[in-house]
């Protein structure tokens, strides 16, 4: 506090203007540094909040996955092999693949 009042007193008494400008620049630099520190603190707190939120969401997702894991187990692929052959191109073109596959699947399932 004392230097600020002495600065005003020197300026009022016709003191050096360079000293006043230098002190104002110093005060401005200190304000900028203080502002930068506040911004940095705000960024750090925001990051911490984001990380906490993300880890909470990940914990909830892990719990959800553990609950539904038995329902989502992968089944082995179904492999069926049905062979049919025809003796001409015209029979091949007219072949009803849909009914053939239905018939083979129904026979395999015992229906």
C-alpha atoms as a PDB file:
ATOM      1  CA  UNK A   1       0.000   0.000   0.000  1.00  0.00           C
ATOM      2  CA  UNK A   2       2.750   2.462   0.802  1.00  0.00           C
ATOM      3  CA  UNK A   3       4.377   2.401  -2.665  1.00  0.00           C
ATOM      4  CA  UNK A   4       1.027   3.137  -4.322  1.00  0.00           C
ATOM      5  CA  UNK A   5       0.455   6.254  -2.224  1.00  0.00           C
ATOM      6  CA  UNK A   6       4.017   7.427  -2.780  1.00  0.00           C
ATOM      7  CA  UNK A   7       3.523   7.019  -6.531  1.00  0.00           C
ATOM      8  CA  UNK A   8       0.449   9.217  -6.441  1.00  0.00           C
ATOM      9  CA  UNK A   9       2.300  11.737  -4.313  1.00  0.00           C
ATOM     10  CA  UNK A  10       5.245  11.838  -6.729  1.00  0.00           C
ATOM     11  CA  UNK A  11       2.917  12.249  -9.700  1.00  0.00           C
ATOM     12  CA  UNK A  12       1.071  15.078  -7.976  1.00  0.00           C
ATOM     13  CA  UNK A  13       4.286  16.749  -6.990  1.00  0.00           C
ATOM     14  CA  UNK A  14       5.625  16.675 -10.561  1.00  0.00           C
ATOM     15  CA  UNK A  15       7.801  13.545 -10.143  1.00  0.00           C
ATOM     16  CA  UNK A  16       9.217  11.592 -12.991  1.00  0.00           C
ATOM     17  CA  UNK A  17       6.560  10.406 -15.431  1.00  0.00           C
ATOM     18  CA  UNK A  18       8.748   7.456 -16.432  1.00  0.00           C
ATOM     19  CA  UNK A  19       8.592   6.084 -12.898  1.00  0.00           C
ATOM     20  CA  UNK A  20       4.790   6.331 -12.896  1.00  0.00           C
ATOM     21  CA  UNK A  21       4.548   4.613 -16.278  1.00  0.00           C
ATOM     22  CA  UNK A  22       6.949   1.905 -15.118  1.00  0.00           C
ATOM     23  CA  UNK A  23       4.908   1.282 -11.977  1.00  0.00           C
ATOM     24  CA  UNK A  24       1.670   1.182 -13.976  1.00  0.00           C
ATOM     25  CA  UNK A  25       3.234  -1.304 -16.390  1.00  0.00           C
ATOM     26  CA  UNK A  26       4.387  -3.389 -13.444  1.00  0.00           C
ATOM     27  CA  UNK A  27       0.887  -3.334 -11.948  1.00  0.00           C
ATOM     28  CA  UNK A  28      -0.594  -4.257 -15.341  1.00  0.00           C
ATOM     29  CA  UNK A  29       1.877  -7.133 -15.711  1.00  0.00           C
ATOM     30  CA  UNK A  30       1.013  -8.369 -12.220  1.00  0.00           C
ATOM     31  CA  UNK A  31      -2.699  -8.207 -13.032  1.00  0.00           C
ATOM     32  CA  UNK A  32      -2.102 -10.182 -16.239  1.00  0.00           C
ATOM     33  CA  UNK A  33      -0.055 -12.795 -14.385  1.00  0.00           C
ATOM     34  CA  UNK A  34      -2.734 -13.054 -11.695  1.00  0.00           C
ATOM     35  CA  UNK A  35      -5.423 -13.414 -14.386  1.00  0.00           C
ATOM     36  CA  UNK A  36      -3.392 -16.103 -16.167  1.00  0.00           C
ATOM     37  CA  UNK A  37      -3.039 -17.997 -12.890  1.00  0.00           C
ATOM     38  CA  UNK A  38      -6.801 -17.808 -12.336  1.00  0.00           C
ATOM     39  CA  UNK A  39      -7.478 -19.059 -15.863  1.00  0.00           C
ATOM     40  CA  UNK A  40      -5.002 -21.913 -15.353  1.00  0.00           C
ATOM     41  CA  UNK A  41      -6.701 -22.872 -12.079  1.00  0.00           C
ATOM     42  CA  UNK A  42     -10.096 -22.807 -13.807  1.00  0.00           C
ATOM     43  CA  UNK A  43      -8.788 -25.067 -16.592  1.00  0.00           C
ATOM     44  CA  UNK A  44      -7.296 -27.525 -14.104  1.00  0.00           C
ATOM     45  CA  UNK A  45     -10.538 -27.673 -12.124  1.00  0.00           C
ATOM     46  CA  UNK A  46     -12.557 -28.138 -15.319  1.00  0.00           C
ATOM     47  CA  UNK A  47     -10.288 -30.986 -16.454  1.00  0.00           C
ATOM     48  CA  UNK A  48     -10.594 -32.660 -13.078  1.00  0.00           C
ATOM     49  CA  UNK A  49     -14.373 -32.356 -13.317  1.00  0.00           C
ATOM     50  CA  UNK A  50     -14.358 -33.863 -16.823  1.00  0.00           C
ATOM     51  CA  UNK A  51     -12.130 -36.748 -15.735  1.00  0.00           C
ATOM     52  CA  UNK A  52     -14.320 -37.432 -12.700  1.00  0.00           C
ATOM     53  CA  UNK A  53     -17.410 -37.399 -14.906  1.00  0.00           C
ATOM     54  CA  UNK A  54     -15.773 -39.675 -17.462  1.00  0.00           C
ATOM     55  CA  UNK A  55     -14.646 -42.163 -14.825  1.00  0.00           C
ATOM     56  CA  UNK A  56     -18.123 -42.176 -13.289  1.00  0.00           C
ATOM     57  CA  UNK A  57     -19.607 -42.864 -16.714  1.00  0.00           C
ATOM     58  CA  UNK A  58     -17.054 -45.608 -17.337  1.00  0.00           C
ATOM     59  CA  UNK A  59     -17.858 -47.222 -13.985  1.00  0.00           C
ATOM     60  CA  UNK A  60     -21.562 -47.177 -14.809  1.00  0.00           C
ATOM     61  CA  UNK A  61     -20.835 -48.662 -18.239  1.00  0.00           C
ATOM     62  CA  UNK A  62     -18.725 -51.431 -16.691  1.00  0.00           C
ATOM     63  CA  UNK A  63     -21.544 -52.243 -14.254  1.00  0.00           C
ATOM     64  CA  UNK A  64     -24.054 -52.307 -17.113  1.00  0.00           C
ATOM     65  CA  UNK A  65     -21.817 -54.560 -19.196  1.00  0.00           C
ATOM     66  CA  UNK A  66     -21.357 -56.926 -16.250  1.00  0.00           C
ATOM     67  CA  UNK A  67     -25.132 -57.125 -15.800  1.00  0.00           C
ATOM     68  CA  UNK A  68     -25.873 -57.958 -19.427  1.00  0.00           C
ATOM     69  CA  UNK A  69     -22.787 -60.044 -20.226  1.00  0.00           C
ATOM     70  CA  UNK A  70     -24.576 -63.426 -20.078  1.00  0.00           C
ATOM     71  CA  UNK A  71     -27.173 -62.166 -22.543  1.00  0.00           C
ATOM     72  CA  UNK A  72     -24.652 -60.962 -25.084  1.00  0.00           C
ATOM     73  CA  UNK A  73     -22.279 -63.915 -25.309  1.00  0.00           C
ATOM     74  CA  UNK A  74     -21.387 -64.626 -28.896  1.00  0.00           C
ATOM     75  CA  UNK A  75     -22.832 -67.790 -30.333  1.00  0.00           C
ATOM     76  CA  UNK A  76     -20.710 -69.908 -32.629  1.00  0.00           C
ATOM     77  CA  UNK A  77     -21.416 -69.309 -36.305  1.00  0.00           C
ATOM     78  CA  UNK A  78     -23.913 -71.609 -37.950  1.00  0.00           C
ATOM     79  CA  UNK A  79     -22.261 -73.608 -40.668  1.00  0.00           C
ATOM     80  CA  UNK A  80     -24.484 -75.567 -42.984  1.00  0.00           C
ATOM     81  CA  UNK A  81     -23.410 -77.287 -46.121  1.00  0.00           C
ATOM     82  CA  UNK A  82     -26.056 -78.299 -48.654  1.00  0.00           C
ATOM     83  CA  UNK A  83     -25.068 -79.538 -52.057  1.00  0.00           C
ATOM     84  CA  UNK A  84     -27.214 -79.820 -55.127  1.00  0.00           C
ATOM     85  CA  UNK A  85     -26.233 -80.345 -58.709  1.00  0.00           C
ATOM     86  CA  UNK A  86     -28.061 -80.005 -61.996  1.00  0.00           C
ATOM     87  CA  UNK A  87     -27.110 -81.372 -65.375  1.00  0.00           C
ATOM     88  CA  UNK A  88     -27.883 -78.399 -67.625  1.00  0.00           C
ATOM     89  CA  UNK A  89     -27.642 -74.644 -67.769  1.00  0.00           C
ATOM     90  CA  UNK A  90     -31.384 -74.202 -68.234  1.00  0.00           C
ATOM     91  CA  UNK A  91     -32.138 -76.273 -65.116  1.00  0.00           C
ATOM     92  CA  UNK A  92     -29.572 -74.217 -63.221  1.00  0.00           C
ATOM     93  CA  UNK A  93     -31.255 -70.966 -64.315  1.00  0.00           C
ATOM     94  CA  UNK A  94     -34.711 -72.220 -63.282  1.00  0.00           C
ATOM     95  CA  UNK A  95     -33.553 -73.780 -60.014  1.00  0.00           C
ATOM     96  CA  UNK A  96     -35.576 -72.566 -56.990  1.00  0.00           C
ATOM     97  CA  UNK A  97     -32.814 -72.004 -54.458  1.00  0.00           C
ATOM     98  CA  UNK A  98     -35.196 -70.559 -51.866  1.00  0.00           C
ATOM     99  CA  UNK A  99     -37.391 -73.667 -51.651  1.00  0.00           C
ATOM    100  CA  UNK A 100     -34.326 -75.941 -51.707  1.00  0.00           C
ATOM    101  CA  UNK A 101     -32.745 -74.123 -48.746  1.00  0.00           C
ATOM    102  CA  UNK A 102     -36.016 -74.129 -46.799  1.00  0.00           C
ATOM    103  CA  UNK A 103     -36.453 -77.828 -47.360  1.00  0.00           C
ATOM    104  CA  UNK A 104     -32.870 -78.597 -46.282  1.00  0.00           C
ATOM    105  CA  UNK A 105     -33.131 -76.478 -43.123  1.00  0.00           C
ATOM    106  CA  UNK A 106     -36.487 -78.021 -42.205  1.00  0.00           C
ATOM    107  CA  UNK A 107     -35.069 -81.515 -42.699  1.00  0.00           C
ATOM    108  CA  UNK A 108     -32.060 -80.650 -40.551  1.00  0.00           C
ATOM    109  CA  UNK A 109     -34.260 -79.289 -37.711  1.00  0.00           C
ATOM    110  CA  UNK A 110     -36.524 -82.320 -37.889  1.00  0.00           C
ATOM    111  CA  UNK A 111     -39.727 -80.511 -38.749  1.00  0.00           C
END
